[in-house]
Protein backbone atom coordinates (compact mmCIF):
# COMPACT_ATOMS: atom_id res chain seq x y z
CA UNK A 1 7.87 -58.98 25.93
CA UNK A 2 7.85 -57.68 29.48
CA UNK A 3 5.50 -59.31 31.96
CA UNK A 4 4.68 -58.31 35.49
CA UNK A 5 6.87 -60.92 37.22
CA UNK A 6 9.89 -59.84 35.14
CA UNK A 7 9.07 -56.22 35.98
CA UNK A 8 9.10 -56.84 39.73
CA UNK A 9 12.27 -58.90 39.60
CA UNK A 10 14.20 -56.34 37.61
CA UNK A 11 12.84 -53.36 39.56
CA UNK A 12 14.11 -54.98 42.74
CA UNK A 13 17.56 -55.37 41.15
CA UNK A 14 17.52 -51.77 39.93
CA UNK A 15 16.62 -50.44 43.38
CA UNK A 16 19.57 -52.34 44.88
CA UNK A 17 21.97 -51.06 42.21
CA UNK A 18 20.85 -47.45 42.64
CA UNK A 19 21.01 -47.65 46.44
CA UNK A 20 24.58 -48.98 46.38
CA UNK A 21 26.01 -46.93 43.52
CA UNK A 22 27.14 -43.32 43.46
CA UNK A 23 28.27 -43.55 39.83
CA UNK A 24 25.64 -43.04 37.15
CA UNK A 25 27.47 -44.86 34.36
CA UNK A 26 28.23 -47.94 36.42
CA UNK A 27 24.63 -48.19 37.62
CA UNK A 28 23.08 -47.66 34.20
CA UNK A 29 25.31 -50.21 32.46
CA UNK A 30 24.42 -52.85 35.04
CA UNK A 31 20.71 -52.20 34.59
CA UNK A 32 20.91 -52.10 30.78
CA UNK A 33 22.73 -55.43 30.65
CA UNK A 34 19.98 -57.04 32.71
CA UNK A 35 17.27 -55.45 30.57
CA UNK A 36 18.99 -56.63 27.38
CA UNK A 37 19.19 -60.20 28.63
CA UNK A 38 15.61 -60.37 29.84
CA UNK A 39 13.69 -58.15 27.43
CA UNK A 40 15.63 -58.11 24.19
CA UNK A 41 16.67 -54.45 24.28
CA UNK A 42 19.05 -53.68 21.39
CA UNK A 43 20.25 -50.26 22.50
CA UNK A 44 19.68 -48.02 25.48
CA UNK A 45 21.01 -44.62 26.35
CA UNK A 46 20.56 -41.94 28.94
CA UNK A 47 20.83 -38.25 28.09
CA UNK A 48 21.41 -35.31 30.43
CA UNK A 49 20.27 -31.73 29.81
CA UNK A 50 22.95 -29.07 30.25
CA UNK A 51 21.01 -26.06 31.57
CA UNK A 52 23.85 -23.68 30.72
CA UNK A 53 24.06 -24.55 27.03
CA UNK A 54 20.50 -25.96 26.59
CA UNK A 55 22.08 -28.98 24.87
CA UNK A 56 21.18 -32.60 25.53
CA UNK A 57 24.00 -35.13 25.37
CA UNK A 58 24.17 -38.91 25.64
CA UNK A 59 26.02 -39.56 28.88
CA UNK A 60 25.65 -43.33 29.23
CA UNK A 61 24.92 -45.82 26.46
CA UNK A 62 24.43 -49.54 26.00
CA UNK A 63 24.90 -51.04 22.54
CA UNK A 64 26.60 -47.92 21.11
CA UNK A 65 30.26 -47.39 20.26
CA UNK A 66 32.05 -44.39 21.76
CA UNK A 67 31.95 -42.69 18.35
CA UNK A 68 28.19 -43.24 18.05
CA UNK A 69 27.66 -42.00 21.59
CA UNK A 70 29.66 -38.81 20.89
CA UNK A 71 27.34 -37.99 17.98
CA UNK A 72 24.34 -37.97 20.33
CA UNK A 73 23.90 -34.24 20.91
CA UNK A 74 20.45 -32.64 20.64
CA UNK A 75 18.87 -29.24 21.07
CA UNK A 76 15.67 -28.76 23.07
CA UNK A 77 12.82 -29.62 20.69
CA UNK A 78 15.10 -31.43 18.22
CA UNK A 79 14.06 -34.96 17.29
CA UNK A 80 12.31 -37.31 19.67
CA UNK A 81 14.74 -36.77 22.54
CA UNK A 82 14.58 -32.98 22.22
CA UNK A 83 10.79 -33.14 22.10
CA UNK A 84 10.59 -35.24 25.27
CA UNK A 85 12.84 -32.75 27.11
CA UNK A 86 10.73 -29.86 25.84
CA UNK A 87 7.29 -31.33 26.60
CA UNK A 88 8.03 -33.68 29.49
CA UNK A 89 5.88 -36.30 27.77
CA UNK A 90 7.10 -39.80 26.76
CA UNK A 91 7.14 -40.88 23.11
CA UNK A 92 6.54 -44.37 21.70
CA UNK A 93 7.60 -45.19 18.12
CA UNK A 94 6.35 -48.66 17.03
CA UNK A 95 8.23 -48.47 13.69
CA UNK A 96 11.31 -46.27 13.41
CA UNK A 97 10.94 -46.22 9.61
CA UNK A 98 7.53 -44.52 9.90
CA UNK A 99 8.72 -41.67 12.12
CA UNK A 100 10.49 -38.60 10.63
CA UNK A 101 11.29 -37.33 14.15
CA UNK A 102 13.67 -40.26 14.62
CA UNK A 103 16.88 -38.52 13.48
CA UNK A 104 19.34 -41.40 13.99
CA UNK A 105 22.00 -38.84 14.95
CA UNK A 106 24.17 -41.56 16.43
CA UNK A 107 24.10 -43.32 13.02
CA UNK A 108 23.59 -46.57 14.90
CA UNK A 109 20.48 -47.71 13.01
CA UNK A 110 20.97 -49.22 9.56
CA UNK A 111 18.31 -49.53 6.87
CA UNK A 112 17.92 -53.18 7.88
CA UNK A 113 16.98 -52.21 11.43
CA UNK A 114 14.42 -49.51 10.77
CA UNK A 115 11.53 -51.81 11.67
CA UNK A 116 12.70 -51.69 15.28
CA UNK A 117 10.73 -49.84 17.97
CA UNK A 118 11.84 -46.91 20.10
CA UNK A 119 10.66 -45.55 23.46
CA UNK A 120 11.86 -42.38 25.15
CA UNK A 121 10.77 -41.21 28.61
CA UNK A 122 11.70 -38.05 30.55
CA UNK A 123 13.80 -38.07 33.71
CA UNK A 124 12.44 -35.54 36.19
CA UNK A 125 13.63 -33.98 39.43
CA UNK A 126 11.10 -31.82 41.29
CA UNK A 127 8.97 -31.42 38.13
CA UNK A 128 12.03 -30.24 36.16
CA UNK A 129 13.14 -32.23 33.11
CA UNK A 130 16.82 -33.12 33.56
CA UNK A 131 17.27 -35.80 30.89
CA UNK A 132 15.79 -38.78 29.08
CA UNK A 133 15.99 -42.57 29.08
CA UNK A 134 15.60 -44.24 25.68
CA UNK A 135 15.55 -47.83 24.46
CA UNK A 136 15.47 -49.44 21.05
CA UNK A 137 13.69 -52.79 20.93
CA UNK A 138 13.08 -55.46 18.32
CA UNK A 139 9.60 -54.99 16.88
CA UNK A 140 6.94 -57.54 17.82
CA UNK A 141 3.37 -57.18 16.63
CA UNK A 142 1.99 -58.29 20.00
CA UNK A 143 4.32 -56.13 22.14
CA UNK A 144 2.48 -54.14 24.81
CA UNK A 145 4.13 -50.73 24.63
CA UNK A 146 2.14 -49.38 27.56
CA UNK A 147 3.65 -52.03 29.76
CA UNK A 148 7.18 -51.12 28.63
CA UNK A 149 6.42 -47.43 29.00
CA UNK A 150 5.30 -47.85 32.59
CA UNK A 151 8.38 -49.89 33.40
CA UNK A 152 10.83 -47.40 31.85
CA UNK A 153 9.12 -44.47 33.59
CA UNK A 154 9.71 -46.15 36.97
CA UNK A 155 13.34 -46.89 36.05
CA UNK A 156 13.84 -43.24 35.00
CA UNK A 157 12.50 -41.98 38.33
CA UNK A 158 14.88 -44.28 40.18
CA UNK A 159 17.85 -42.77 38.36
CA UNK A 160 16.77 -39.14 38.90
CA UNK A 161 19.06 -38.59 41.90
CA UNK A 162 22.16 -39.84 40.06
CA UNK A 163 21.24 -37.92 36.91
CA UNK A 164 20.82 -34.67 38.86
CA UNK A 165 24.22 -35.21 40.45
CA UNK A 166 25.80 -35.79 37.01
CA UNK A 167 24.02 -32.71 35.62
CA UNK A 168 25.38 -30.46 38.41
CA UNK A 169 28.87 -31.88 37.95
CA UNK A 170 28.85 -31.34 34.16
CA UNK A 171 27.71 -27.72 34.48
CA UNK A 172 30.20 -26.90 37.23
CA UNK A 173 33.11 -28.43 35.29
CA UNK A 174 32.05 -26.46 32.22
CA UNK A 175 32.10 -23.19 34.17
CA UNK A 176 35.53 -23.98 35.62
CA UNK A 177 36.81 -24.89 32.16
CA UNK A 178 35.72 -21.59 30.62
CA UNK A 179 37.02 -19.63 33.60
CA UNK A 180 40.43 -21.31 33.37
CA UNK A 181 40.67 -20.65 29.64
CA UNK A 182 39.82 -16.99 30.17
CA UNK A 183 42.42 -16.69 32.94
CA UNK A 184 45.03 -18.16 30.59
CA UNK A 185 43.96 -15.82 27.79
CA UNK A 186 43.05 -18.79 25.60
CA UNK A 187 39.33 -18.15 25.30
CA UNK A 188 37.89 -15.57 22.92
CA UNK A 189 35.67 -13.90 25.53
CA UNK A 190 37.09 -10.40 25.88
CA UNK A 191 37.15 -8.65 29.26
CA UNK A 192 35.92 -5.49 27.53
CA UNK A 193 32.46 -7.10 27.30
CA UNK A 194 31.59 -5.60 30.65
CA UNK A 195 27.95 -4.95 29.77
CA UNK A 196 27.09 -8.66 29.56
CA UNK A 197 26.81 -10.99 32.54
CA UNK A 198 26.81 -14.78 32.38
CA UNK A 199 29.03 -17.83 32.30
CA UNK A 200 26.57 -20.36 30.84
CA UNK A 201 27.51 -22.33 27.75
CA UNK A 202 25.02 -20.43 25.59
CA UNK A 203 26.46 -17.10 26.68
CA UNK A 204 30.00 -18.35 26.09
CA UNK A 205 28.91 -19.03 22.50
CA UNK A 206 27.56 -15.48 22.24
CA UNK A 207 30.86 -14.07 23.56
CA UNK A 208 32.76 -16.19 21.06
CA UNK A 209 30.67 -14.93 18.15
CA UNK A 210 31.05 -11.32 19.33
CA UNK A 211 34.82 -11.64 19.42
CA UNK A 212 34.93 -13.23 15.97
CA UNK A 213 32.74 -10.66 14.22
CA UNK A 214 33.55 -7.45 16.11
CA UNK A 215 36.67 -6.46 14.16
CA UNK A 216 34.98 -7.02 10.79
CA UNK A 217 32.55 -4.68 9.02
CA UNK A 218 29.93 -7.41 8.53
CA UNK A 219 26.25 -6.50 8.93
CA UNK A 220 24.80 -8.26 11.97
CA UNK A 221 21.23 -9.32 12.75
CA UNK A 222 20.65 -9.94 16.46
CA UNK A 223 17.66 -12.18 17.18
CA UNK A 224 16.00 -12.90 20.50
CA UNK A 225 12.94 -12.30 22.64
CA UNK A 226 12.14 -8.93 24.16
CA UNK A 227 14.23 -8.19 27.23
CA UNK A 228 17.18 -10.54 26.55
CA UNK A 229 19.68 -7.69 26.10
CA UNK A 230 20.03 -7.33 22.32
CA UNK A 231 21.10 -3.69 22.65
CA UNK A 232 23.82 -4.67 25.14
CA UNK A 233 25.11 -7.25 22.66
CA UNK A 234 25.19 -4.59 19.94
CA UNK A 235 27.14 -2.28 22.27
CA UNK A 236 29.61 -5.07 23.07
CA UNK A 237 30.22 -5.64 19.35
CA UNK A 238 30.78 -1.93 18.73
CA UNK A 239 33.05 -1.56 21.78
CA UNK A 240 35.38 -4.27 20.43
CA UNK A 241 35.38 -2.96 16.86
CA UNK A 242 37.79 -0.62 15.11
CA UNK A 243 34.96 1.97 15.16
CA UNK A 244 34.75 2.07 18.97
CA UNK A 245 36.43 5.50 19.24
CA UNK A 246 33.19 7.00 17.89
CA UNK A 247 29.82 6.73 19.60
CA UNK A 248 27.40 4.08 18.39
CA UNK A 249 24.17 5.66 17.11
CA UNK A 250 20.97 3.92 18.24
CA UNK A 251 17.43 4.15 16.93
CA UNK A 252 14.33 2.16 17.86
CA UNK A 253 12.32 1.70 14.67
CA UNK A 254 9.15 0.91 16.63
CA UNK A 255 9.33 3.94 18.93
CA UNK A 256 9.23 6.65 16.23
CA UNK A 257 6.07 7.36 14.19
CA UNK A 258 6.27 6.23 10.56
CA UNK A 259 5.94 9.82 9.26
CA UNK A 260 9.06 10.85 11.22
CA UNK A 261 11.38 7.89 11.03
CA UNK A 262 12.57 8.53 7.47
CA UNK A 263 13.75 12.03 8.40
CA UNK A 264 15.34 10.64 11.57
CA UNK A 265 17.27 8.01 9.63
CA UNK A 266 18.30 9.98 6.57
CA UNK A 267 17.87 13.64 7.61
CA UNK A 268 16.20 16.40 5.59
CA UNK A 269 17.07 19.55 3.64
CA UNK A 270 15.95 23.01 4.60
CA UNK A 271 12.46 23.57 3.17
CA UNK A 272 11.80 19.87 2.59
CA UNK A 273 8.47 20.24 4.40
CA UNK A 274 6.60 22.74 6.54
CA UNK A 275 8.68 23.46 9.63
CA UNK A 276 11.98 22.31 8.09
CA UNK A 277 13.70 25.65 8.62
CA UNK A 278 17.24 24.27 8.57
CA UNK A 279 19.24 21.29 7.36
CA UNK A 280 18.94 18.28 9.67
CA UNK A 281 21.45 15.42 9.63
CA UNK A 282 19.94 11.97 10.06
CA UNK A 283 21.25 9.07 12.13
CA UNK A 284 23.16 7.58 9.19
CA UNK A 285 25.16 10.78 8.76
CA UNK A 286 25.80 10.99 12.50
CA UNK A 287 27.02 7.37 12.43
CA UNK A 288 29.60 8.03 9.67
CA UNK A 289 32.66 5.82 10.26
CA UNK A 290 30.88 4.39 13.32
CA UNK A 291 28.05 1.93 13.96
CA UNK A 292 24.29 2.36 13.73
CA UNK A 293 22.04 0.09 15.77
CA UNK A 294 18.56 -0.38 14.29
CA UNK A 295 16.39 -1.94 16.99
CA UNK A 296 13.01 -3.52 16.14
CA UNK A 297 13.93 -3.66 12.44
CA UNK A 298 10.81 -5.75 11.77
CA UNK A 299 8.64 -2.66 12.39
CA UNK A 300 10.00 -0.68 9.42
CA UNK A 301 7.39 0.26 6.79
CA UNK A 302 7.76 -1.16 3.23
CA UNK A 303 8.87 2.27 1.98
CA UNK A 304 11.65 2.50 4.58
CA UNK A 305 12.69 -1.09 3.86
CA UNK A 306 13.42 -0.09 0.26
CA UNK A 307 15.53 2.90 1.34
CA UNK A 308 17.44 0.83 3.88
CA UNK A 309 18.11 -1.80 1.22
CA UNK A 310 19.75 0.87 -0.91
CA UNK A 311 22.06 1.84 1.95
CA UNK A 312 23.05 -1.80 2.42
CA UNK A 313 23.57 -2.43 -1.29
CA UNK A 314 24.99 0.86 -2.58
CA UNK A 315 26.35 2.38 0.66
CA UNK A 316 24.59 5.65 -0.13
CA UNK A 317 21.40 7.61 0.59
CA UNK A 318 19.72 10.99 0.08
CA UNK A 319 18.27 13.38 2.62
CA UNK A 320 14.53 13.97 2.52
CA UNK A 321 13.84 16.72 0.01
CA UNK A 322 17.40 16.62 -1.34
CA UNK A 323 19.04 15.45 -4.56
CA UNK A 324 22.62 15.06 -3.30
CA UNK A 325 23.79 11.45 -2.92
CA UNK A 326 25.65 10.95 0.35
CA UNK A 327 28.10 8.08 0.79
CA UNK A 328 27.71 6.07 3.98
CA UNK A 329 30.66 4.41 5.70
CA UNK A 330 28.50 2.94 8.43
CA UNK A 331 28.42 -0.48 10.05
CA UNK A 332 24.82 -1.70 10.51
CA UNK A 333 23.69 -3.84 13.42
CA UNK A 334 19.97 -4.66 13.40
CA UNK A 335 17.86 -6.43 16.00
CA UNK A 336 14.37 -7.86 16.22
CA UNK A 337 12.21 -10.12 18.36
CA UNK A 338 9.84 -10.78 15.45
CA UNK A 339 9.75 -13.79 13.13
CA UNK A 340 11.06 -12.22 9.92
CA UNK A 341 10.69 -15.47 8.02
CA UNK A 342 6.94 -15.51 8.70
CA UNK A 343 6.72 -11.82 7.80
CA UNK A 344 8.36 -12.55 4.44
CA UNK A 345 5.71 -15.19 3.67
CA UNK A 346 3.02 -12.61 4.50
CA UNK A 347 4.73 -9.97 2.30
CA UNK A 348 5.31 -7.80 5.37
CA UNK A 349 9.12 -7.84 5.11
CA UNK A 350 11.29 -7.76 1.98
CA UNK A 351 13.14 -10.99 1.31
CA UNK A 352 16.09 -9.18 -0.33
CA UNK A 353 16.45 -6.91 2.70
CA UNK A 354 16.34 -9.94 5.00
CA UNK A 355 19.29 -11.54 3.22
CA UNK A 356 21.25 -8.28 3.28
CA UNK A 357 20.71 -7.96 7.03
CA UNK A 358 21.22 -11.62 7.87
CA UNK A 359 24.90 -11.72 6.88
CA UNK A 360 25.94 -12.68 10.41
CA UNK A 361 22.97 -13.80 12.54
CA UNK A 362 23.46 -13.83 16.30
CA UNK A 363 20.87 -15.34 18.64
CA UNK A 364 20.62 -14.19 22.27
CA UNK A 365 19.07 -16.96 24.40
CA UNK A 366 16.08 -16.26 26.66
CA UNK A 367 16.68 -16.33 30.41
CA UNK A 368 14.77 -19.59 30.89
CA UNK A 369 17.42 -21.32 28.73
CA UNK A 370 20.34 -19.97 30.79
CA UNK A 371 19.01 -20.35 34.34
CA UNK A 372 22.52 -21.08 35.58
CA UNK A 373 23.30 -17.38 35.04
CA UNK A 374 20.49 -16.16 37.33
CA UNK A 375 22.63 -16.04 40.54
CA UNK A 376 25.33 -14.05 38.69
CA UNK A 377 22.75 -11.65 37.27
CA UNK A 378 21.12 -11.24 40.69
CA UNK A 379 24.46 -10.30 42.28
CA UNK A 380 25.15 -7.88 39.43
CA UNK A 381 21.80 -6.13 39.89
CA UNK A 382 22.15 -6.03 43.67
CA UNK A 383 25.50 -4.23 43.29
CA UNK A 384 24.01 -1.91 40.67
CA UNK A 385 21.04 -0.81 42.76
CA UNK A 386 23.09 -0.59 45.94
CA UNK A 387 25.04 2.13 44.11
CA UNK A 388 22.04 3.83 42.49
CA UNK A 389 19.77 3.91 45.54
CA UNK A 390 22.39 3.99 48.30
CA UNK A 391 21.29 0.60 49.63
CA UNK A 392 23.31 -1.99 51.55
CA UNK A 393 21.84 -5.31 50.38
CA UNK A 394 24.27 -8.06 51.39
CA UNK A 395 22.72 -11.18 49.92
CA UNK A 396 19.61 -12.99 48.68
CA UNK A 397 18.02 -15.86 50.60
CA UNK A 398 18.01 -19.42 49.26
CA UNK A 399 14.20 -19.51 49.14
CA UNK A 400 14.17 -16.34 47.04
CA UNK A 401 16.77 -17.83 44.67
CA UNK A 402 14.65 -20.98 44.39
CA UNK A 403 11.69 -18.84 43.27
CA UNK A 404 13.84 -17.05 40.71
CA UNK A 405 15.23 -20.32 39.38
CA UNK A 406 11.81 -21.93 38.86
CA UNK A 407 9.98 -18.92 37.36
CA UNK A 408 9.48 -18.93 33.56
CA UNK A 409 10.64 -15.30 32.96
CA UNK A 410 8.47 -14.11 30.06
CA UNK A 411 10.12 -10.68 30.36
CA UNK A 412 13.63 -12.17 30.46
CA UNK A 413 16.54 -10.21 32.00
CA UNK A 414 14.59 -6.96 31.89
CA UNK A 415 11.95 -8.52 34.15
CA UNK A 416 14.59 -10.03 36.45
CA UNK A 417 16.27 -6.64 36.86
CA UNK A 418 12.95 -5.01 37.75
CA UNK A 419 12.27 -7.75 40.32
CA UNK A 420 15.65 -7.28 42.00
CA UNK A 421 15.37 -3.48 42.11
CA UNK A 422 11.90 -3.74 43.66
CA UNK A 423 13.01 -6.41 46.14
CA UNK A 424 16.11 -4.45 47.13
CA UNK A 425 14.01 -1.37 47.89
CA UNK A 426 11.49 -3.41 49.92
CA UNK A 427 14.10 -5.28 51.97
CA UNK A 428 14.26 -4.20 55.62
CA UNK A 429 17.21 -6.30 56.81
CA UNK A 430 19.75 -6.03 53.96
CA UNK A 431 18.65 -9.43 52.66
CA UNK A 432 16.34 -10.05 49.70
CA UNK A 433 13.78 -12.61 50.85
CA UNK A 434 11.04 -14.42 48.97
CA UNK A 435 8.31 -12.13 50.31
CA UNK A 436 10.16 -9.14 48.80
CA UNK A 437 9.69 -10.58 45.31
CA UNK A 438 6.62 -9.72 43.18
CA UNK A 439 3.49 -11.87 43.63
CA UNK A 440 3.85 -13.07 40.02
CA UNK A 441 6.89 -15.12 41.06
CA UNK A 442 4.99 -16.77 43.88
CA UNK A 443 2.29 -18.45 41.80
CA UNK A 444 1.31 -22.08 42.28
CA UNK A 445 3.39 -23.05 39.26
CA UNK A 446 6.64 -21.62 40.61
CA UNK A 447 6.19 -22.58 44.26
CA UNK A 448 4.65 -26.02 43.57
CA UNK A 449 1.79 -25.10 45.90
CA UNK A 450 -1.76 -26.30 45.55
CA UNK A 451 -4.45 -23.89 44.41
CA UNK A 452 -7.13 -23.50 47.06
CA UNK A 453 -10.31 -21.49 47.36
CA UNK A 454 -13.51 -21.09 45.38
CA UNK A 455 -13.42 -21.10 41.58
CA UNK A 456 -14.43 -17.43 41.48
CA UNK A 457 -11.63 -16.38 43.81
CA UNK A 458 -9.06 -18.43 41.87
CA UNK A 459 -10.15 -16.94 38.55
CA UNK A 460 -10.01 -13.42 39.96
CA UNK A 461 -6.48 -14.05 41.26
CA UNK A 462 -5.38 -15.37 37.86
CA UNK A 463 -6.94 -12.36 36.10
CA UNK A 464 -5.21 -9.96 38.47
CA UNK A 465 -1.82 -11.60 37.92
CA UNK A 466 -2.30 -11.43 34.12
CA UNK A 467 -3.03 -7.72 34.40
CA UNK A 468 0.09 -7.20 36.53
CA UNK A 469 2.24 -9.19 34.08
CA UNK A 470 0.96 -7.18 31.11
CA UNK A 471 1.52 -3.85 32.87
CA UNK A 472 4.97 -4.96 33.95
CA UNK A 473 5.98 -5.88 30.39
CA UNK A 474 4.52 -2.64 28.97
CA UNK A 475 6.20 -0.50 31.68
CA UNK A 476 2.82 0.72 32.91
CA UNK A 477 1.46 1.62 29.46
CA UNK A 478 -2.25 0.79 29.77
CA UNK A 479 -2.86 0.92 26.02
CA UNK A 480 -0.07 -1.57 25.24
CA UNK A 481 -1.08 -3.84 28.11
CA UNK A 482 -4.70 -3.85 26.88
CA UNK A 483 -3.52 -4.72 23.37
CA UNK A 484 -1.45 -7.60 24.68
CA UNK A 485 -4.45 -9.01 26.58
CA UNK A 486 -6.83 -8.37 23.63
CA UNK A 487 -8.91 -5.94 25.71
CA UNK A 488 -10.21 -2.45 24.97
CA UNK A 489 -8.64 0.36 27.00
CA UNK A 490 -11.98 0.86 28.72
CA UNK A 491 -12.17 -2.80 29.78
CA UNK A 492 -8.56 -2.64 30.94
CA UNK A 493 -9.29 0.49 32.97
CA UNK A 494 -12.28 -1.12 34.68
CA UNK A 495 -10.25 -4.16 35.69
CA UNK A 496 -7.37 -2.03 36.97
CA UNK A 497 -9.86 -0.12 39.11
CA UNK A 498 -11.51 -3.35 40.29
CA UNK A 499 -8.23 -4.81 41.56
CA UNK A 500 -6.88 -1.44 42.76
CA UNK A 501 -3.71 -1.73 40.64
CA UNK A 502 -1.61 1.42 40.25
CA UNK A 503 -0.01 1.39 36.74
CA UNK A 504 2.40 4.13 37.83
CA UNK A 505 4.43 1.72 39.96
CA UNK A 506 5.51 -0.16 36.85
CA UNK A 507 7.07 3.03 35.44
CA UNK A 508 9.37 3.53 38.42
CA UNK A 509 11.80 0.79 37.56
CA UNK A 510 14.49 1.63 35.05
CA UNK A 511 14.59 -0.73 32.06
CA UNK A 512 17.85 -1.15 30.18
């Protein structure tokens, strides 16, 4: 058990160790040894979040072999450690045996030890979760876990500076490693992937998958949130394939009315319906011996799902109003931001079609999980809009970068690009500064500022920002923005008028 006198004594020792040490491992091991002697800790380990790859790895461990330590890799949200990184909240497990979230990935807990207790606390730097500190203790019925929790939380805060330094070093070494491999021609990232920007670990994995699958004819399902660049990934796959000499055919399944999409996909014969005065080739015919990209595949109607399944299974289709069977030598790449698994359970998407499409799944990470790529993306967009608009932006200020790095990016890269284009146009001194960025990036959450003013004024400001966010994501489409906010178009119109918002400004920025 940990009492207050022991707490103060050990905290004093920890503060001295941290003050004198510049090495995380050396400092942690010293502290863990003292904690083990005084408080009966069986194991302790510190994890660090890699912001490039979104993986959490055990960096320093007490009571674990090197092999056990190497097994300690977690994803955000995975197990207790992943949950603590995701939520920023500590977790106390009185009995390991009673907790399914305890994954024992290190394989360091035997069946004889599963009555032990486990505590995991977050390590934070400027309100950002950068890692965790965990301990396994012998179970005692009269142990005061709140006391231990408070103690570990203080210890974790003391180590934040060293953990941040280790985090920066890990990420920089990773970037240098990938860059060196690419320079030596040993890494699978191909220089022809010019449409994608990023050097983070998660993007390196995407590049690797692209290079492995591009030269095959496998059907690919690209998953990811809206705005992450799924179409660019599809283009990169096609550009590296044996079909790259022909143009990739693209179709957005959500953008074409249901009554027209069948004829767009499969074509129609002359006289198939009123107004069909000549034969019309569909996208599948136009994509013969090339690639067809089906964006928003989750929006296909049940009838179209059946027809697409036939193309995938039999490699053939018929034009609307025709009886001739047409063979299709077409590579299919589909994409969606919807949860197809949930749609299957609701009978909204065919399970057999799902398995035909999901031959080679490829996930594109959201921007908030690859924040290390933001400076690269910013430079890319500055160069792009310097060319397009004839601007001469030289750089972006550190305060503006700080805002970009702390924002949550619900619109992903698409939103970032819009922000940079807007800021570049507004800049008056060839530098993008924080005041050039949209007000949505300068909220209390992203600037760590305190909300002041009357409740009514605060609520109005929040409502206005929500309207702006919705209009930004819908590219100025009032109907879509109203739907997103669960408002009628009339209510949306009244609020737009109230706050003097011009929806047209959100249509000016090109979205790719």
